[in-house]
Amino acid sequence: MLKERIDFLCKKKNLSRKELVDGLVTPPHFANILADRYPFAEDLAEQIAGRLGVNPSYLLRAAAEDEGTLATADKIFTELSKLANPATESYVDQLKDRNDSLVVEMTTYLMKAVYYQQLNDPTAYEYLHQTKLSFSLS
C-alpha cells in the first residue's frame, strides 16, 4: 500500500521515484522498501514526506490495519451504504479525504463516489473517480 501511496503522491508532484529519493537512498533500495523487503525507517520517511508535502505518518501508516483503523473504515462504509441514505451532502463533503491508513482513505473515496453516483451528480462522481480512485486502483 505504501508503493501505491508513493506513486500517487509522486504523480501529483510530477516527480519520478528517482528524483524523490535523490541523495537519500538508491532507487533499488527504495524499491525494496516499497516491496516490504526492508523496513521504512522513520528518518527516511520524514525526509521523503517533506519532499512530498505530507506528514510522515501519512507514509508510515499507509498499510495500517489495526482494530481502530478497520473500525473507522467500517463506520464510513456502513453510514454511506445504507439504503435511502439519510446522510446529507454537507456530511459527505465534510468527511476527511485523507487518512494515514490507506484502507480508510480508499473506503472514504469509494463511498463518496457511490454517494454522488446515487445522487446523480456526475461532476462530483467523475472528479472522485478520475483524481482518486482510478489512479489508486490501477
C-alpha atoms as a PDB file:
ATOM      1  CA  MET A   1       0.000   0.000   0.000  1.00  0.00           C
ATOM      2  CA  LEU A   2       2.943   2.301   0.610  1.00  0.00           C
ATOM      3  CA  LYS A   3       4.050   1.834  -3.004  1.00  0.00           C
ATOM      4  CA  GLU A   4       0.631   2.928  -4.283  1.00  0.00           C
ATOM      5  CA  ARG A   5       0.566   5.945  -2.000  1.00  0.00           C
ATOM      6  CA  ILE A   6       4.099   6.985  -3.022  1.00  0.00           C
ATOM      7  CA  ASP A   7       3.257   6.542  -6.713  1.00  0.00           C
ATOM      8  CA  PHE A   8       0.106   8.639  -6.312  1.00  0.00           C
ATOM      9  CA  LEU A   9       1.931  11.432  -4.476  1.00  0.00           C
ATOM     10  CA  CYS A  10       4.814  11.401  -6.972  1.00  0.00           C
ATOM     11  CA  LYS A  11       2.357  11.707  -9.833  1.00  0.00           C
ATOM     12  CA  LYS A  12       0.660  14.668  -8.117  1.00  0.00           C
ATOM     13  CA  LYS A  13       4.056  16.364  -7.614  1.00  0.00           C
ATOM     14  CA  ASN A  14       5.279  15.353 -11.087  1.00  0.00           C
ATOM     15  CA  LEU A  15       8.303  13.586  -9.567  1.00  0.00           C
ATOM     16  CA  SER A  16       9.909  10.331 -10.541  1.00  0.00           C
ATOM     17  CA  ARG A  17      10.832   7.958  -7.763  1.00  0.00           C
ATOM     18  CA  LYS A  18      14.475   8.540  -8.647  1.00  0.00           C
ATOM     19  CA  GLU A  19      14.010  12.292  -8.130  1.00  0.00           C
ATOM     20  CA  LEU A  20      12.141  11.650  -4.904  1.00  0.00           C
ATOM     21  CA  VAL A  21      14.943   9.647  -3.286  1.00  0.00           C
ATOM     22  CA  ASP A  22      17.871  11.524  -4.834  1.00  0.00           C
ATOM     23  CA  GLY A  23      20.550  11.977  -2.180  1.00  0.00           C
ATOM     24  CA  LEU A  24      18.664   9.881   0.386  1.00  0.00           C
ATOM     25  CA  VAL A  25      18.849   6.244  -0.748  1.00  0.00           C
ATOM     26  CA  THR A  26      19.394   4.452  -4.032  1.00  0.00           C
ATOM     27  CA  PRO A  27      16.344   3.793  -6.200  1.00  0.00           C
ATOM     28  CA  PRO A  28      16.858  -0.008  -5.914  1.00  0.00           C
ATOM     29  CA  HIS A  29      16.980   0.226  -2.115  1.00  0.00           C
ATOM     30  CA  PHE A  30      13.817   2.315  -2.093  1.00  0.00           C
ATOM     31  CA  ALA A  31      12.140  -0.222  -4.395  1.00  0.00           C
ATOM     32  CA  ASN A  32      12.996  -2.881  -1.797  1.00  0.00           C
ATOM     33  CA  ILE A  33      11.421  -0.739   0.930  1.00  0.00           C
ATOM     34  CA  LEU A  34       8.273  -0.368  -1.173  1.00  0.00           C
ATOM     35  CA  ALA A  35       8.226  -4.142  -1.708  1.00  0.00           C
ATOM     36  CA  ASP A  36       8.406  -4.656   2.092  1.00  0.00           C
ATOM     37  CA  ARG A  37      11.834  -6.284   1.868  1.00  0.00           C
ATOM     38  CA  TYR A  38      13.330  -3.628   4.146  1.00  0.00           C
ATOM     39  CA  PRO A  39      11.712  -1.529   6.857  1.00  0.00           C
ATOM     40  CA  PHE A  40      10.856   2.085   6.111  1.00  0.00           C
ATOM     41  CA  ALA A  41      12.998   3.978   8.603  1.00  0.00           C
ATOM     42  CA  GLU A  42      11.312   6.914  10.323  1.00  0.00           C
ATOM     43  CA  ASP A  43      14.092   9.366   9.438  1.00  0.00           C
ATOM     44  CA  LEU A  44      13.851   8.441   5.758  1.00  0.00           C
ATOM     45  CA  ALA A  45      10.053   8.676   5.922  1.00  0.00           C
ATOM     46  CA  GLU A  46      10.376  12.180   7.388  1.00  0.00           C
ATOM     47  CA  GLN A  47      12.657  13.328   4.563  1.00  0.00           C
ATOM     48  CA  ILE A  48      10.508  11.791   1.835  1.00  0.00           C
ATOM     49  CA  ALA A  49       7.321  13.126   3.429  1.00  0.00           C
ATOM     50  CA  GLY A  50       8.881  16.589   3.397  1.00  0.00           C
ATOM     51  CA  ARG A  51       9.597  16.296  -0.325  1.00  0.00           C
ATOM     52  CA  LEU A  52       6.039  15.134  -0.955  1.00  0.00           C
ATOM     53  CA  GLY A  53       4.442  17.743   1.320  1.00  0.00           C
ATOM     54  CA  VAL A  54       2.735  15.265   3.668  1.00  0.00           C
ATOM     55  CA  ASN A  55       3.098  14.217   7.296  1.00  0.00           C
ATOM     56  CA  PRO A  56       5.436  11.259   7.878  1.00  0.00           C
ATOM     57  CA  SER A  57       2.580   9.255   9.425  1.00  0.00           C
ATOM     58  CA  TYR A  58       0.756   9.524   6.082  1.00  0.00           C
ATOM     59  CA  LEU A  59       3.523   7.314   4.686  1.00  0.00           C
ATOM     60  CA  LEU A  60       4.384   5.234   7.735  1.00  0.00           C
ATOM     61  CA  ARG A  61       0.768   4.215   8.450  1.00  0.00           C
ATOM     62  CA  ALA A  62      -0.347   3.675   4.858  1.00  0.00           C
ATOM     63  CA  ALA A  63      -0.761  -0.059   5.410  1.00  0.00           C
ATOM     64  CA  ALA A  64      -2.276   0.236   8.890  1.00  0.00           C
ATOM     65  CA  GLU A  65      -4.940  -2.389   9.533  1.00  0.00           C
ATOM     66  CA  ASP A  66      -5.263  -2.209  13.294  1.00  0.00           C
ATOM     67  CA  GLU A  67      -8.610  -2.522  15.046  1.00  0.00           C
ATOM     68  CA  GLY A  68      -9.226   1.241  15.231  1.00  0.00           C
ATOM     69  CA  THR A  69      -8.395   1.737  11.557  1.00  0.00           C
ATOM     70  CA  LEU A  70     -10.696  -1.037  10.412  1.00  0.00           C
ATOM     71  CA  ALA A  71     -13.467   0.240  12.692  1.00  0.00           C
ATOM     72  CA  THR A  72     -13.168   3.695  11.106  1.00  0.00           C
ATOM     73  CA  ALA A  73     -13.353   2.251   7.584  1.00  0.00           C
ATOM     74  CA  ASP A  74     -16.321   0.068   8.583  1.00  0.00           C
ATOM     75  CA  LYS A  75     -18.162   3.043  10.068  1.00  0.00           C
ATOM     76  CA  ILE A  76     -17.726   5.063   6.865  1.00  0.00           C
ATOM     77  CA  PHE A  77     -18.831   2.129   4.728  1.00  0.00           C
ATOM     78  CA  THR A  78     -21.854   1.399   6.932  1.00  0.00           C
ATOM     79  CA  GLU A  79     -23.025   5.017   7.055  1.00  0.00           C
ATOM     80  CA  LEU A  80     -22.720   5.665   3.349  1.00  0.00           C
ATOM     81  CA  SER A  81     -24.014   2.336   2.120  1.00  0.00           C
ATOM     82  CA  LYS A  82     -27.357   2.414   3.912  1.00  0.00           C
ATOM     83  CA  LEU A  83     -30.352   2.133   1.633  1.00  0.00           C
ATOM     84  CA  ALA A  84     -32.084   5.505   1.386  1.00  0.00           C
ATOM     85  CA  ASN A  85     -29.026   7.059   2.965  1.00  0.00           C
ATOM     86  CA  PRO A  86     -30.026   9.844   5.348  1.00  0.00           C
ATOM     87  CA  ALA A  87     -26.568  11.440   5.062  1.00  0.00           C
ATOM     88  CA  THR A  88     -26.670  14.975   3.822  1.00  0.00           C
ATOM     89  CA  GLU A  89     -24.368  16.219   1.134  1.00  0.00           C
ATOM     90  CA  SER A  90     -22.676  18.515   3.647  1.00  0.00           C
ATOM     91  CA  TYR A  91     -21.942  15.496   5.872  1.00  0.00           C
ATOM     92  CA  VAL A  92     -20.382  13.637   2.957  1.00  0.00           C
ATOM     93  CA  ASP A  93     -18.403  16.708   1.847  1.00  0.00           C
ATOM     94  CA  GLN A  94     -17.024  17.150   5.362  1.00  0.00           C
ATOM     95  CA  LEU A  95     -15.686  13.589   5.645  1.00  0.00           C
ATOM     96  CA  LYS A  96     -11.896  13.792   5.787  1.00  0.00           C
ATOM     97  CA  ASP A  97     -10.470  12.603   2.477  1.00  0.00           C
ATOM     98  CA  ARG A  98      -7.055  11.996   3.921  1.00  0.00           C
ATOM     99  CA  ASN A  99      -6.190   9.401   6.492  1.00  0.00           C
ATOM    100  CA  ASP A 100      -2.869   7.929   7.481  1.00  0.00           C
ATOM    101  CA  SER A 101      -4.279   4.491   6.683  1.00  0.00           C
ATOM    102  CA  LEU A 102      -4.865   3.814   3.017  1.00  0.00           C
ATOM    103  CA  VAL A 103      -7.774   1.451   3.804  1.00  0.00           C
ATOM    104  CA  VAL A 104      -9.704   4.308   5.458  1.00  0.00           C
ATOM    105  CA  GLU A 105      -8.775   6.770   2.738  1.00  0.00           C
ATOM    106  CA  MET A 106      -9.835   4.446  -0.096  1.00  0.00           C
ATOM    107  CA  THR A 107     -13.068   3.498   1.705  1.00  0.00           C
ATOM    108  CA  THR A 108     -13.905   7.187   2.038  1.00  0.00           C
ATOM    109  CA  TYR A 109     -13.193   7.899  -1.647  1.00  0.00           C
ATOM    110  CA  LEU A 110     -15.142   4.861  -2.777  1.00  0.00           C
ATOM    111  CA  MET A 111     -18.171   5.570  -0.618  1.00  0.00           C
ATOM    112  CA  LYS A 112     -18.194   9.258  -1.574  1.00  0.00           C
ATOM    113  CA  ALA A 113     -18.191   8.212  -5.227  1.00  0.00           C
ATOM    114  CA  VAL A 114     -21.076   5.806  -4.578  1.00  0.00           C
ATOM    115  CA  TYR A 115     -22.976   8.532  -2.739  1.00  0.00           C
ATOM    116  CA  TYR A 116     -22.569  11.055  -5.568  1.00  0.00           C
ATOM    117  CA  GLN A 117     -23.467   8.449  -8.149  1.00  0.00           C
ATOM    118  CA  GLN A 118     -26.689   7.752  -6.220  1.00  0.00           C
ATOM    119  CA  LEU A 119     -27.414  11.488  -6.213  1.00  0.00           C
ATOM    120  CA  ASN A 120     -26.835  11.505  -9.943  1.00  0.00           C
ATOM    121  CA  ASP A 121     -24.117  14.136  -9.531  1.00  0.00           C
ATOM    122  CA  PRO A 122     -21.796  13.252 -12.402  1.00  0.00           C
ATOM    123  CA  THR A 123     -19.404  16.139 -11.741  1.00  0.00           C
ATOM    124  CA  ALA A 124     -18.598  15.094  -8.161  1.00  0.00           C
ATOM    125  CA  TYR A 125     -18.550  11.404  -9.068  1.00  0.00           C
ATOM    126  CA  GLU A 126     -16.262  11.947 -12.057  1.00  0.00           C
ATOM    127  CA  TYR A 127     -13.897  14.114 -10.003  1.00  0.00           C
ATOM    128  CA  LEU A 128     -13.506  11.400  -7.353  1.00  0.00           C
ATOM    129  CA  HIS A 129     -13.202   8.699  -9.959  1.00  0.00           C
ATOM    130  CA  GLN A 130     -10.565  10.464 -12.060  1.00  0.00           C
ATOM    131  CA  THR A 131      -8.468  12.098  -9.319  1.00  0.00           C
ATOM    132  CA  LYS A 132      -8.593   9.494  -6.572  1.00  0.00           C
ATOM    133  CA  LEU A 133      -9.998   6.109  -7.490  1.00  0.00           C
ATOM    134  CA  SER A 134      -8.796   5.342 -10.998  1.00  0.00           C
ATOM    135  CA  PHE A 135      -5.159   6.072 -10.212  1.00  0.00           C
ATOM    136  CA  SER A 136      -5.179   4.407  -6.810  1.00  0.00           C
ATOM    137  CA  LEU A 137      -6.926   1.278  -8.016  1.00  0.00           C
ATOM    138  CA  SER A 138      -4.831   0.780 -11.133  1.00  0.00           C
END
